[in-house]
Amino acid sequence: MRLPIAVTIDETGIYLNGIPVELPATKNNIAEVLNEDYVTRKLKLATVYTWDELGITAHETDHVITSLGFTINHDSTYKYTPREWFAGTITINDIPLAQLPITKKRAIEDFFTLTVGAASLFVSVDEKDAITYLEISKHVPKVIPEPDKYQFKPIAGKKIPFKDFNFKLAIIQVLMYEQHVLSPVFDVHEFAERYQTRAIDVDSEGDEIIPEVKAYFEALEIDQQHAEAVTEIYQDGGNDIYMNVIPFWSGETDDFNILSFEDVAHFPNLKKITLFYDERLEEIQAALRAKGIDVEPL
């Protein structure tokens, strides 16, 4: 007889028929909540307990149950796949599993991963956007090294007072990515991992300037002592600085065109600048030639 199991997952925990279950658990813990009618299958790296009538599996590693699986609509040929589909109910933060905004189009390699409280959820979907399988395990927070890596750090020396942000970005390209005298070397993915105020999704936001990245570089202080080391600026669509400010930049917009060249006054050894296309090229060339700086278009 198939007895329906009500699965509830929320910020407070995981519940099977109202009984709290904490993962990892022992086989006996799970059997007390479900029943003793399971099949044991030894695999190379784990043991799987299958409740065929309930449509539930439990994976055991190192003598503890690390995850629970619910076969909802699955034609898997794994030998441990339950004979019957899961016939109970699954609710996640008061929302029935079937009503979660999960589609194959939004999935990565046909599955979603979600974190709910202390639980990590693995959800598979098929071509018709039907959820086929749910696996629950303990959420293990990712350990991020140097969590404060990109926190603002004022410099001890005299900072360069930039007037043009895009000129500053061109200087950062030289000092950070080419000469390696500015640290940390900025990586937008690392920055997003460490950013706490909101979740930054580089994949979905990377077609435009990411505001928090722009704010980081606006606040970045550059010591005047580095100015003499800058002899040339070369703007190129593949420059690291641009790929971090707009990760998927096409190179066809004027987002990074320098509007003012007043900042050249801070760089006494700057002798050459290669610029993105600018309709003011001749005007810029004449003005900077008078300062001993050669300007060429990209």
Foldseek 3Di string as FASTA:
>chain_A
DADAWEWEFAQVAIDTNRHGDDPFAAPVVVCVRPNPPWDWDDDPAWIKTADQSQQKIFTGGPRTTFKIKFFAADPDPPPRGHNDHHDYWYAYNNHTPQPPPFFCVPDDVQWDWDDHNQKIWIWGADNVRGTGMIMIGGDDDDDQPPLCQLPDDDDPADFQDDDWLLVLLQVCLCDCVPVNPDDDNDDQVSVQVSDDPDRDDCVVQLQAFDVVLSVSSVRDTDHLVCQQVAAEGEDDPPRPSNCNRRVPYPLPDCPNFTDDDPSCVSRLNHAEYEGEDDPCVVVVQVVCVVVNHHYHYD
